[in-house]
Amino acid sequence: MDKNPDLNFGKVLLKIARESINNRINNLAINKNLDEYQNEIKVQLQKNAAVFVTITINHQLRGCIGSLFGYRPLIDDLIDNAISAAFRDPRFPPLAKDEFNKIIIEVSLLTPPTQLNFNNRNDALAKLRPEIDGVILSEGNNRSTFLPQVWEQLPNPDVFIDHLLQKAGLPSGYWSEKIKLETYQVKKWSENSIDSSQK
């Protein structure tokens, strides 16, 4: 038995993400063969799940793409979002081959979102849990999300929501009765923390 099945699972997710980016950058076939993995991990990879893949270089964001809802097998969501974070994030140019060895990958596995019930903005802010909740904000066709990790940069709930509004294309300080908030939590694994856990 693995003493830390969560860590083992995280290592597999990070390995698949890195291999997928490497294969795409070198024009190799994407590998979806699960035979090398233990049965429990194989089962988890075949279940529908939602992940975000975040790429950084020297602690600076280099790409972040993900799914909010588990609508396809985890293996497919992971591979597609890893490749999208590296090559399709509209905020950045596609990852260059000479950048590949500099990247640090983080994979966040999301719980299903649940609706947050609130009476007004202040009530909503009081119900958010910094560093625990990822938040989806939506009004009509405007929608945005921040992973729980974003609380590290924006620890104040008021500022956090203002940035989320701006990301959704709405003005800072805006509020209306039509705004909907959903929260989710994540399990996350980073190549940084996995590496340090080996030392």
N, C-alpha and C. Protein backbone atom coordinates (compact mmCIF):
# COMPACT_ATOMS: atom_id res chain seq x y z
N MET A 1 0.85 -1.21 0.00
CA MET A 1 0.00 0.00 0.00
C MET A 1 0.88 1.25 0.00
N ASP A 2 0.51 2.22 -0.81
CA ASP A 2 1.20 3.51 -0.82
C ASP A 2 0.85 4.27 0.45
N LYS A 3 1.87 4.79 1.13
CA LYS A 3 1.62 5.49 2.39
C LYS A 3 0.82 6.78 2.17
N ASN A 4 0.96 7.37 0.98
CA ASN A 4 0.25 8.61 0.69
C ASN A 4 -0.37 8.52 -0.71
N PRO A 5 -1.56 7.87 -0.80
CA PRO A 5 -2.17 7.69 -2.12
C PRO A 5 -2.46 9.01 -2.82
N ASP A 6 -2.78 10.06 -2.03
CA ASP A 6 -3.05 11.37 -2.62
C ASP A 6 -1.83 11.92 -3.34
N LEU A 7 -0.67 11.80 -2.68
CA LEU A 7 0.58 12.29 -3.27
C LEU A 7 0.90 11.49 -4.53
N ASN A 8 0.71 10.19 -4.45
CA ASN A 8 0.97 9.31 -5.59
C ASN A 8 0.08 9.69 -6.77
N PHE A 9 -1.19 9.95 -6.50
CA PHE A 9 -2.14 10.36 -7.54
C PHE A 9 -1.71 11.69 -8.14
N GLY A 10 -1.31 12.62 -7.27
CA GLY A 10 -0.85 13.92 -7.74
C GLY A 10 0.36 13.81 -8.66
N LYS A 11 1.28 12.93 -8.29
CA LYS A 11 2.48 12.72 -9.13
C LYS A 11 2.08 12.25 -10.53
N VAL A 12 1.09 11.37 -10.58
CA VAL A 12 0.62 10.85 -11.87
C VAL A 12 -0.01 11.98 -12.69
N LEU A 13 -0.84 12.80 -12.07
CA LEU A 13 -1.48 13.91 -12.79
C LEU A 13 -0.44 14.87 -13.34
N LEU A 14 0.56 15.20 -12.54
CA LEU A 14 1.62 16.11 -13.00
C LEU A 14 2.44 15.49 -14.12
N LYS A 15 2.70 14.20 -14.00
CA LYS A 15 3.47 13.49 -15.04
C LYS A 15 2.72 13.52 -16.38
N ILE A 16 1.41 13.23 -16.32
CA ILE A 16 0.60 13.22 -17.55
C ILE A 16 0.56 14.63 -18.16
N ALA A 17 0.38 15.64 -17.31
CA ALA A 17 0.33 17.02 -17.81
C ALA A 17 1.64 17.39 -18.50
N ARG A 18 2.77 17.09 -17.85
CA ARG A 18 4.08 17.46 -18.44
C ARG A 18 4.34 16.67 -19.72
N GLU A 19 4.05 15.39 -19.71
CA GLU A 19 4.27 14.58 -20.92
C GLU A 19 3.43 15.08 -22.09
N SER A 20 2.19 15.48 -21.79
CA SER A 20 1.29 15.95 -22.85
C SER A 20 1.82 17.23 -23.49
N ILE A 21 2.31 18.15 -22.65
CA ILE A 21 2.89 19.40 -23.17
C ILE A 21 4.15 19.09 -23.97
N ASN A 22 4.99 18.21 -23.42
CA ASN A 22 6.23 17.83 -24.12
C ASN A 22 5.93 17.20 -25.48
N ASN A 23 4.96 16.30 -25.50
CA ASN A 23 4.63 15.62 -26.76
C ASN A 23 4.09 16.60 -27.79
N ARG A 24 3.26 17.55 -27.34
CA ARG A 24 2.72 18.53 -28.28
C ARG A 24 3.83 19.44 -28.83
N ILE A 25 4.74 19.84 -27.97
CA ILE A 25 5.81 20.76 -28.40
C ILE A 25 6.78 20.08 -29.37
N ASN A 26 6.87 18.74 -29.26
CA ASN A 26 7.78 17.98 -30.13
C ASN A 26 7.04 17.21 -31.23
N ASN A 27 5.75 17.57 -31.42
CA ASN A 27 4.92 16.93 -32.47
C ASN A 27 4.87 15.41 -32.35
N LEU A 28 4.78 14.93 -31.11
CA LEU A 28 4.64 13.50 -30.86
C LEU A 28 3.17 13.20 -30.55
N ALA A 29 2.80 11.91 -30.68
CA ALA A 29 1.42 11.51 -30.38
C ALA A 29 1.14 11.69 -28.89
N ILE A 30 -0.10 12.11 -28.57
CA ILE A 30 -0.50 12.24 -27.17
C ILE A 30 -0.80 10.85 -26.61
N ASN A 31 -0.22 10.57 -25.45
CA ASN A 31 -0.34 9.23 -24.86
C ASN A 31 -1.50 9.17 -23.87
N LYS A 32 -2.50 8.31 -24.17
CA LYS A 32 -3.62 8.11 -23.24
C LYS A 32 -3.66 6.69 -22.69
N ASN A 33 -2.55 5.98 -22.82
CA ASN A 33 -2.48 4.61 -22.34
C ASN A 33 -2.36 4.59 -20.81
N LEU A 34 -3.31 3.92 -20.15
CA LEU A 34 -3.34 3.92 -18.68
C LEU A 34 -2.76 2.65 -18.08
N ASP A 35 -2.22 1.75 -18.91
CA ASP A 35 -1.80 0.44 -18.42
C ASP A 35 -0.68 0.49 -17.39
N GLU A 36 0.12 1.55 -17.41
CA GLU A 36 1.27 1.60 -16.49
C GLU A 36 0.84 1.98 -15.06
N TYR A 37 -0.42 2.38 -14.88
CA TYR A 37 -0.84 2.88 -13.56
C TYR A 37 -1.58 1.82 -12.75
N GLN A 38 -1.51 1.99 -11.41
CA GLN A 38 -2.24 1.09 -10.51
C GLN A 38 -3.73 1.19 -10.79
N ASN A 39 -4.44 0.12 -10.42
CA ASN A 39 -5.88 0.04 -10.71
C ASN A 39 -6.68 1.20 -10.15
N GLU A 40 -6.39 1.58 -8.88
CA GLU A 40 -7.17 2.66 -8.25
C GLU A 40 -6.99 3.97 -9.03
N ILE A 41 -5.76 4.23 -9.47
CA ILE A 41 -5.48 5.45 -10.23
C ILE A 41 -6.13 5.37 -11.60
N LYS A 42 -6.08 4.21 -12.20
CA LYS A 42 -6.71 4.01 -13.51
C LYS A 42 -8.21 4.33 -13.44
N VAL A 43 -8.86 3.85 -12.38
CA VAL A 43 -10.30 4.09 -12.19
C VAL A 43 -10.57 5.59 -12.05
N GLN A 44 -9.75 6.27 -11.25
CA GLN A 44 -9.95 7.71 -11.05
C GLN A 44 -9.77 8.50 -12.34
N LEU A 45 -8.80 8.08 -13.15
CA LEU A 45 -8.53 8.79 -14.41
C LEU A 45 -9.66 8.62 -15.43
N GLN A 46 -10.45 7.57 -15.24
CA GLN A 46 -11.54 7.31 -16.20
C GLN A 46 -12.87 7.92 -15.75
N LYS A 47 -12.92 8.41 -14.50
CA LYS A 47 -14.15 9.06 -14.01
C LYS A 47 -14.21 10.49 -14.51
N ASN A 48 -15.43 11.00 -14.73
CA ASN A 48 -15.59 12.40 -15.11
C ASN A 48 -15.12 13.31 -13.97
N ALA A 49 -14.31 14.28 -14.30
CA ALA A 49 -13.79 15.22 -13.30
C ALA A 49 -13.33 16.49 -13.99
N ALA A 50 -13.20 17.56 -13.19
CA ALA A 50 -12.77 18.87 -13.72
C ALA A 50 -11.44 19.26 -13.10
N VAL A 51 -10.51 19.69 -13.95
CA VAL A 51 -9.21 20.16 -13.47
C VAL A 51 -8.83 21.49 -14.11
N PHE A 52 -8.02 22.23 -13.36
CA PHE A 52 -7.33 23.40 -13.91
C PHE A 52 -5.84 23.06 -13.94
N VAL A 53 -5.17 23.48 -15.01
CA VAL A 53 -3.72 23.34 -15.09
C VAL A 53 -3.12 24.74 -15.14
N THR A 54 -2.22 25.01 -14.20
CA THR A 54 -1.56 26.31 -14.10
C THR A 54 -0.07 26.13 -14.38
N ILE A 55 0.47 26.99 -15.23
CA ILE A 55 1.89 26.93 -15.58
C ILE A 55 2.53 28.24 -15.15
N THR A 56 3.66 28.14 -14.46
CA THR A 56 4.42 29.34 -14.08
C THR A 56 5.88 29.18 -14.53
N ILE A 57 6.53 30.32 -14.73
CA ILE A 57 7.98 30.37 -14.95
C ILE A 57 8.52 31.44 -14.02
N ASN A 58 9.46 31.05 -13.16
CA ASN A 58 10.02 31.98 -12.16
C ASN A 58 8.92 32.66 -11.34
N HIS A 59 7.95 31.88 -10.92
CA HIS A 59 6.83 32.34 -10.08
C HIS A 59 5.88 33.29 -10.80
N GLN A 60 6.03 33.46 -12.11
CA GLN A 60 5.14 34.31 -12.89
C GLN A 60 4.19 33.43 -13.70
N LEU A 61 2.91 33.79 -13.72
CA LEU A 61 1.93 33.01 -14.48
C LEU A 61 2.33 32.95 -15.95
N ARG A 62 2.25 31.75 -16.53
CA ARG A 62 2.58 31.56 -17.95
C ARG A 62 1.40 30.94 -18.72
N GLY A 63 0.37 30.53 -17.98
CA GLY A 63 -0.82 29.97 -18.61
C GLY A 63 -1.67 29.27 -17.57
N CYS A 64 -2.98 29.40 -17.71
CA CYS A 64 -3.89 28.72 -16.79
C CYS A 64 -5.22 28.51 -17.49
N ILE A 65 -5.57 27.25 -17.70
CA ILE A 65 -6.82 26.88 -18.36
C ILE A 65 -7.42 25.70 -17.60
N GLY A 66 -8.76 25.66 -17.51
CA GLY A 66 -9.37 24.53 -16.84
C GLY A 66 -10.85 24.41 -17.12
N SER A 67 -11.44 23.42 -16.48
CA SER A 67 -12.88 23.15 -16.58
C SER A 67 -13.50 23.37 -15.20
N LEU A 68 -14.73 23.87 -15.20
CA LEU A 68 -15.43 24.10 -13.93
C LEU A 68 -16.33 22.93 -13.56
N PHE A 69 -16.68 22.11 -14.55
CA PHE A 69 -17.59 21.00 -14.32
C PHE A 69 -16.99 19.72 -14.92
N GLY A 70 -17.19 18.60 -14.23
CA GLY A 70 -16.67 17.33 -14.72
C GLY A 70 -17.59 16.73 -15.78
N TYR A 71 -17.29 17.01 -17.04
CA TYR A 71 -18.17 16.54 -18.12
C TYR A 71 -17.50 15.51 -19.02
N ARG A 72 -16.23 15.14 -18.70
CA ARG A 72 -15.52 14.14 -19.49
C ARG A 72 -14.52 13.44 -18.58
N PRO A 73 -13.97 12.29 -19.01
CA PRO A 73 -13.02 11.58 -18.16
C PRO A 73 -11.84 12.47 -17.76
N LEU A 74 -11.38 12.30 -16.54
CA LEU A 74 -10.28 13.10 -16.00
C LEU A 74 -9.07 13.09 -16.92
N ILE A 75 -8.72 11.94 -17.46
CA ILE A 75 -7.55 11.84 -18.33
C ILE A 75 -7.68 12.79 -19.52
N ASP A 76 -8.89 12.88 -20.10
CA ASP A 76 -9.12 13.77 -21.26
C ASP A 76 -9.09 15.23 -20.84
N ASP A 77 -9.71 15.53 -19.70
CA ASP A 77 -9.75 16.92 -19.22
C ASP A 77 -8.35 17.40 -18.89
N LEU A 78 -7.58 16.55 -18.25
CA LEU A 78 -6.22 16.90 -17.85
C LEU A 78 -5.34 17.17 -19.07
N ILE A 79 -5.34 16.26 -20.02
CA ILE A 79 -4.49 16.41 -21.21
C ILE A 79 -4.88 17.66 -21.99
N ASP A 80 -6.17 17.84 -22.22
CA ASP A 80 -6.63 18.98 -23.02
C ASP A 80 -6.30 20.31 -22.33
N ASN A 81 -6.53 20.37 -21.01
CA ASN A 81 -6.28 21.62 -20.30
C ASN A 81 -4.79 21.90 -20.12
N ALA A 82 -3.97 20.86 -20.01
CA ALA A 82 -2.52 21.05 -19.95
C ALA A 82 -2.02 21.66 -21.26
N ILE A 83 -2.48 21.11 -22.37
CA ILE A 83 -2.08 21.61 -23.69
C ILE A 83 -2.62 23.03 -23.90
N SER A 84 -3.87 23.25 -23.48
CA SER A 84 -4.46 24.59 -23.63
C SER A 84 -3.72 25.63 -22.78
N ALA A 85 -3.36 25.26 -21.55
CA ALA A 85 -2.63 26.21 -20.68
C ALA A 85 -1.29 26.59 -21.30
N ALA A 86 -0.65 25.62 -21.95
CA ALA A 86 0.67 25.87 -22.55
C ALA A 86 0.59 26.63 -23.87
N PHE A 87 -0.43 26.35 -24.66
CA PHE A 87 -0.42 26.85 -26.04
C PHE A 87 -1.63 27.69 -26.45
N ARG A 88 -2.70 27.70 -25.62
CA ARG A 88 -3.93 28.35 -26.07
C ARG A 88 -4.46 29.42 -25.11
N ASP A 89 -3.73 29.72 -24.04
CA ASP A 89 -4.19 30.79 -23.16
C ASP A 89 -4.04 32.11 -23.91
N PRO A 90 -5.15 32.82 -24.17
CA PRO A 90 -5.08 34.03 -25.01
C PRO A 90 -4.25 35.16 -24.41
N ARG A 91 -3.93 35.06 -23.13
CA ARG A 91 -3.13 36.12 -22.49
C ARG A 91 -1.63 36.01 -22.80
N PHE A 92 -1.23 34.84 -23.35
CA PHE A 92 0.20 34.59 -23.54
C PHE A 92 0.46 33.99 -24.92
N PRO A 93 1.69 34.17 -25.45
CA PRO A 93 2.05 33.46 -26.67
C PRO A 93 2.19 31.97 -26.37
N PRO A 94 2.06 31.11 -27.39
CA PRO A 94 2.25 29.67 -27.14
C PRO A 94 3.63 29.40 -26.53
N LEU A 95 3.68 28.41 -25.66
CA LEU A 95 4.93 28.04 -25.00
C LEU A 95 5.98 27.66 -26.05
N ALA A 96 7.17 28.21 -25.92
CA ALA A 96 8.26 27.89 -26.85
C ALA A 96 9.06 26.69 -26.32
N LYS A 97 9.71 25.99 -27.24
CA LYS A 97 10.46 24.78 -26.85
C LYS A 97 11.53 25.09 -25.80
N ASP A 98 12.18 26.26 -25.94
CA ASP A 98 13.25 26.59 -24.98
C ASP A 98 12.73 27.01 -23.61
N GLU A 99 11.41 27.16 -23.48
CA GLU A 99 10.82 27.48 -22.18
C GLU A 99 10.43 26.22 -21.40
N PHE A 100 10.34 25.10 -22.10
CA PHE A 100 9.73 23.90 -21.50
C PHE A 100 10.40 23.48 -20.19
N ASN A 101 11.74 23.50 -20.16
CA ASN A 101 12.44 23.04 -18.96
C ASN A 101 12.37 24.04 -17.81
N LYS A 102 11.83 25.24 -18.07
CA LYS A 102 11.72 26.25 -17.01
C LYS A 102 10.36 26.23 -16.32
N ILE A 103 9.38 25.55 -16.92
CA ILE A 103 8.02 25.65 -16.39
C ILE A 103 7.82 24.81 -15.13
N ILE A 104 6.95 25.31 -14.26
CA ILE A 104 6.45 24.56 -13.11
C ILE A 104 4.95 24.38 -13.33
N ILE A 105 4.50 23.14 -13.19
CA ILE A 105 3.09 22.82 -13.44
C ILE A 105 2.38 22.58 -12.12
N GLU A 106 1.16 23.09 -12.03
CA GLU A 106 0.28 22.81 -10.88
C GLU A 106 -1.05 22.32 -11.42
N VAL A 107 -1.56 21.24 -10.85
CA VAL A 107 -2.86 20.68 -11.24
C VAL A 107 -3.82 20.82 -10.06
N SER A 108 -4.99 21.39 -10.32
CA SER A 108 -6.03 21.55 -9.29
C SER A 108 -7.25 20.72 -9.69
N LEU A 109 -7.64 19.79 -8.82
CA LEU A 109 -8.81 18.94 -9.05
C LEU A 109 -9.99 19.55 -8.30
N LEU A 110 -11.05 19.91 -9.02
CA LEU A 110 -12.17 20.66 -8.44
C LEU A 110 -13.28 19.76 -7.91
N THR A 111 -13.89 20.17 -6.81
CA THR A 111 -15.14 19.56 -6.36
C THR A 111 -16.27 20.17 -7.21
N PRO A 112 -17.43 19.52 -7.31
CA PRO A 112 -18.55 20.13 -8.04
C PRO A 112 -18.96 21.45 -7.37
N PRO A 113 -19.22 22.50 -8.16
CA PRO A 113 -19.62 23.79 -7.59
C PRO A 113 -20.97 23.70 -6.89
N THR A 114 -21.12 24.48 -5.82
CA THR A 114 -22.42 24.58 -5.13
C THR A 114 -22.81 26.05 -5.06
N GLN A 115 -24.10 26.31 -5.18
CA GLN A 115 -24.58 27.69 -5.19
C GLN A 115 -24.45 28.31 -3.80
N LEU A 116 -24.00 29.56 -3.78
CA LEU A 116 -23.90 30.31 -2.53
C LEU A 116 -25.14 31.18 -2.40
N ASN A 117 -25.90 30.99 -1.33
CA ASN A 117 -27.10 31.80 -1.10
C ASN A 117 -26.75 33.01 -0.25
N PHE A 118 -27.16 34.19 -0.69
CA PHE A 118 -26.83 35.42 0.02
C PHE A 118 -27.91 36.46 -0.27
N ASN A 119 -27.98 37.48 0.60
CA ASN A 119 -28.99 38.54 0.46
C ASN A 119 -28.48 39.76 -0.28
N ASN A 120 -27.19 40.06 -0.14
CA ASN A 120 -26.60 41.24 -0.76
C ASN A 120 -25.09 41.04 -0.83
N ARG A 121 -24.39 42.04 -1.34
CA ARG A 121 -22.94 41.90 -1.50
C ARG A 121 -22.24 41.64 -0.17
N ASN A 122 -22.59 42.41 0.87
CA ASN A 122 -21.93 42.24 2.17
C ASN A 122 -22.16 40.84 2.73
N ASP A 123 -23.38 40.33 2.55
CA ASP A 123 -23.70 38.99 3.01
C ASP A 123 -22.87 37.96 2.25
N ALA A 124 -22.73 38.17 0.94
CA ALA A 124 -21.94 37.25 0.11
C ALA A 124 -20.48 37.26 0.57
N LEU A 125 -19.94 38.45 0.80
CA LEU A 125 -18.54 38.56 1.24
C LEU A 125 -18.32 37.85 2.57
N ALA A 126 -19.31 37.97 3.47
CA ALA A 126 -19.19 37.34 4.79
C ALA A 126 -19.20 35.82 4.71
N LYS A 127 -19.83 35.28 3.65
CA LYS A 127 -19.96 33.83 3.54
C LYS A 127 -18.81 33.17 2.77
N LEU A 128 -18.00 33.97 2.09
CA LEU A 128 -16.85 33.41 1.38
C LEU A 128 -15.77 32.99 2.38
N ARG A 129 -15.07 31.92 2.07
CA ARG A 129 -14.02 31.42 2.96
C ARG A 129 -12.67 31.59 2.28
N PRO A 130 -11.93 32.65 2.63
CA PRO A 130 -10.62 32.86 2.01
C PRO A 130 -9.71 31.65 2.13
N GLU A 131 -9.01 31.38 1.03
CA GLU A 131 -8.03 30.28 0.91
C GLU A 131 -8.68 28.89 0.89
N ILE A 132 -10.00 28.83 1.03
CA ILE A 132 -10.71 27.54 0.95
C ILE A 132 -11.55 27.48 -0.31
N ASP A 133 -12.32 28.53 -0.56
CA ASP A 133 -13.28 28.52 -1.67
C ASP A 133 -12.70 29.08 -2.96
N GLY A 134 -12.86 28.31 -4.04
CA GLY A 134 -12.80 28.89 -5.37
C GLY A 134 -14.17 29.47 -5.65
N VAL A 135 -14.24 30.53 -6.44
CA VAL A 135 -15.51 31.23 -6.65
C VAL A 135 -15.79 31.40 -8.14
N ILE A 136 -17.04 31.09 -8.52
CA ILE A 136 -17.52 31.38 -9.88
C ILE A 136 -18.54 32.51 -9.74
N LEU A 137 -18.32 33.59 -10.47
CA LEU A 137 -19.26 34.71 -10.47
C LEU A 137 -19.89 34.79 -11.85
N SER A 138 -21.20 34.90 -11.90
CA SER A 138 -21.86 35.02 -13.21
C SER A 138 -23.05 35.95 -13.14
N GLU A 139 -23.25 36.65 -14.27
CA GLU A 139 -24.45 37.46 -14.48
C GLU A 139 -24.70 37.43 -15.99
N GLY A 140 -25.80 36.81 -16.39
CA GLY A 140 -26.07 36.67 -17.82
C GLY A 140 -24.94 35.93 -18.51
N ASN A 141 -24.37 36.52 -19.57
CA ASN A 141 -23.27 35.89 -20.30
C ASN A 141 -21.90 36.19 -19.72
N ASN A 142 -21.87 37.01 -18.69
CA ASN A 142 -20.59 37.36 -18.05
C ASN A 142 -20.28 36.33 -16.97
N ARG A 143 -19.08 35.74 -17.05
CA ARG A 143 -18.72 34.74 -16.05
C ARG A 143 -17.21 34.73 -15.84
N SER A 144 -16.81 34.50 -14.62
CA SER A 144 -15.38 34.38 -14.32
C SER A 144 -15.21 33.49 -13.09
N THR A 145 -13.97 33.04 -12.91
CA THR A 145 -13.68 32.24 -11.72
C THR A 145 -12.27 32.54 -11.23
N PHE A 146 -12.07 32.37 -9.94
CA PHE A 146 -10.75 32.35 -9.33
C PHE A 146 -10.63 31.06 -8.54
N LEU A 147 -9.51 30.38 -8.71
CA LEU A 147 -9.19 29.22 -7.88
C LEU A 147 -8.92 29.69 -6.44
N PRO A 148 -9.02 28.79 -5.46
CA PRO A 148 -8.72 29.19 -4.07
C PRO A 148 -7.31 29.77 -3.91
N GLN A 149 -6.38 29.35 -4.78
CA GLN A 149 -5.00 29.84 -4.70
C GLN A 149 -4.91 31.35 -4.87
N VAL A 150 -5.91 31.96 -5.56
CA VAL A 150 -5.86 33.41 -5.83
C VAL A 150 -6.00 34.22 -4.55
N TRP A 151 -6.58 33.61 -3.50
CA TRP A 151 -6.67 34.32 -2.21
C TRP A 151 -5.29 34.73 -1.69
N GLU A 152 -4.24 34.01 -2.11
CA GLU A 152 -2.88 34.35 -1.65
C GLU A 152 -2.50 35.76 -2.13
N GLN A 153 -2.94 36.12 -3.35
CA GLN A 153 -2.64 37.46 -3.89
C GLN A 153 -3.71 38.49 -3.48
N LEU A 154 -4.95 38.00 -3.26
CA LEU A 154 -6.08 38.90 -2.97
C LEU A 154 -6.80 38.43 -1.70
N PRO A 155 -6.18 38.59 -0.52
CA PRO A 155 -6.76 38.03 0.71
C PRO A 155 -8.01 38.74 1.21
N ASN A 156 -8.26 39.96 0.73
CA ASN A 156 -9.44 40.70 1.18
C ASN A 156 -10.64 40.33 0.32
N PRO A 157 -11.74 39.80 0.91
CA PRO A 157 -12.89 39.36 0.11
C PRO A 157 -13.47 40.45 -0.80
N ASP A 158 -13.48 41.70 -0.33
CA ASP A 158 -14.01 42.81 -1.12
C ASP A 158 -13.17 43.01 -2.39
N VAL A 159 -11.86 43.00 -2.23
CA VAL A 159 -10.94 43.18 -3.36
C VAL A 159 -11.00 41.95 -4.28
N PHE A 160 -11.10 40.76 -3.67
CA PHE A 160 -11.21 39.51 -4.42
C PHE A 160 -12.41 39.56 -5.37
N ILE A 161 -13.56 39.97 -4.83
CA ILE A 161 -14.79 40.05 -5.65
C ILE A 161 -14.67 41.13 -6.71
N ASP A 162 -14.06 42.26 -6.39
CA ASP A 162 -13.88 43.32 -7.40
C ASP A 162 -13.05 42.83 -8.58
N HIS A 163 -11.98 42.10 -8.30
CA HIS A 163 -11.16 41.55 -9.38
C HIS A 163 -11.92 40.50 -10.18
N LEU A 164 -12.76 39.73 -9.49
CA LEU A 164 -13.57 38.72 -10.17
C LEU A 164 -14.60 39.39 -11.09
N LEU A 165 -15.18 40.50 -10.63
CA LEU A 165 -16.11 41.27 -11.46
C LEU A 165 -15.41 41.77 -12.72
N GLN A 166 -14.21 42.32 -12.54
CA GLN A 166 -13.46 42.85 -13.68
C GLN A 166 -13.10 41.75 -14.66
N LYS A 167 -12.73 40.59 -14.12
CA LYS A 167 -12.39 39.46 -14.99
C LYS A 167 -13.60 39.02 -15.80
N ALA A 168 -14.80 39.19 -15.23
CA ALA A 168 -16.04 38.82 -15.93
C ALA A 168 -16.50 39.91 -16.91
N GLY A 169 -15.75 41.01 -16.96
CA GLY A 169 -16.12 42.11 -17.85
C GLY A 169 -17.11 43.07 -17.24
N LEU A 170 -17.22 43.06 -15.92
CA LEU A 170 -18.12 43.96 -15.20
C LEU A 170 -17.29 44.97 -14.41
N PRO A 171 -17.85 46.14 -14.11
CA PRO A 171 -17.06 47.17 -13.41
C PRO A 171 -16.76 46.78 -11.96
N SER A 172 -15.61 47.20 -11.49
CA SER A 172 -15.26 47.05 -10.08
C SER A 172 -16.31 47.77 -9.24
N GLY A 173 -16.75 47.16 -8.15
CA GLY A 173 -17.76 47.77 -7.28
C GLY A 173 -19.19 47.53 -7.73
N TYR A 174 -19.35 46.91 -8.91
CA TYR A 174 -20.70 46.65 -9.45
C TYR A 174 -21.40 45.56 -8.63
N TRP A 175 -22.71 45.68 -8.54
CA TRP A 175 -23.50 44.60 -7.91
C TRP A 175 -24.92 44.66 -8.44
N SER A 176 -25.58 43.53 -8.55
CA SER A 176 -27.00 43.50 -8.92
C SER A 176 -27.62 42.24 -8.36
N GLU A 177 -28.94 42.21 -8.35
CA GLU A 177 -29.66 41.04 -7.83
C GLU A 177 -29.49 39.83 -8.74
N LYS A 178 -29.00 40.05 -9.96
CA LYS A 178 -28.86 38.94 -10.91
C LYS A 178 -27.53 38.21 -10.76
N ILE A 179 -26.63 38.75 -9.97
CA ILE A 179 -25.33 38.10 -9.80
C ILE A 179 -25.50 36.77 -9.05
N LYS A 180 -24.85 35.76 -9.59
CA LYS A 180 -24.89 34.43 -8.98
C LYS A 180 -23.47 34.05 -8.58
N LEU A 181 -23.32 33.49 -7.40
CA LEU A 181 -22.02 33.01 -6.95
C LEU A 181 -22.10 31.52 -6.65
N GLU A 182 -21.09 30.80 -7.09
CA GLU A 182 -20.95 29.38 -6.75
C GLU A 182 -19.55 29.18 -6.18
N THR A 183 -19.43 28.24 -5.27
CA THR A 183 -18.12 27.96 -4.68
C THR A 183 -17.75 26.50 -4.90
N TYR A 184 -16.45 26.28 -4.91
CA TYR A 184 -15.91 24.90 -5.03
C TYR A 184 -14.59 24.87 -4.28
N GLN A 185 -14.11 23.69 -4.01
CA GLN A 185 -12.81 23.53 -3.36
C GLN A 185 -11.90 22.72 -4.30
N VAL A 186 -10.62 22.73 -4.00
CA VAL A 186 -9.69 21.98 -4.85
C VAL A 186 -8.73 21.14 -4.02
N LYS A 187 -8.27 20.06 -4.65
CA LYS A 187 -7.06 19.38 -4.20
C LYS A 187 -6.02 19.79 -5.22
N LYS A 188 -4.86 20.25 -4.77
CA LYS A 188 -3.87 20.70 -5.75
C LYS A 188 -2.51 20.06 -5.50
N TRP A 189 -1.81 19.88 -6.60
CA TRP A 189 -0.47 19.32 -6.56
C TRP A 189 0.41 20.17 -7.47
N SER A 190 1.56 20.57 -6.95
CA SER A 190 2.51 21.36 -7.74
C SER A 190 3.82 20.60 -7.85
N GLU A 191 4.47 20.74 -9.01
CA GLU A 191 5.79 20.11 -9.15
C GLU A 191 6.75 20.65 -8.11
N ASN A 192 6.58 21.90 -7.70
CA ASN A 192 7.42 22.49 -6.65
C ASN A 192 7.28 21.72 -5.34
N SER A 193 6.02 21.51 -4.90
CA SER A 193 5.82 20.85 -3.59
C SER A 193 6.11 19.36 -3.67
N ILE A 194 5.84 18.74 -4.82
CA ILE A 194 6.17 17.31 -4.98
C ILE A 194 7.67 17.14 -4.90
N ASP A 195 8.41 18.04 -5.56
CA ASP A 195 9.88 17.95 -5.53
C ASP A 195 10.41 18.14 -4.13
N SER A 196 9.85 19.12 -3.40
CA SER A 196 10.36 19.38 -2.05
C SER A 196 10.02 18.24 -1.10
N SER A 197 8.90 17.52 -1.38
CA SER A 197 8.52 16.41 -0.52
C SER A 197 9.46 15.21 -0.70
N GLN A 198 10.23 15.22 -1.79
CA GLN A 198 11.19 14.12 -2.04
C GLN A 198 12.50 14.34 -1.30
N LYS A 199 12.75 15.60 -0.85
CA LYS A 199 14.07 15.93 -0.31
C LYS A 199 14.20 15.50 1.14
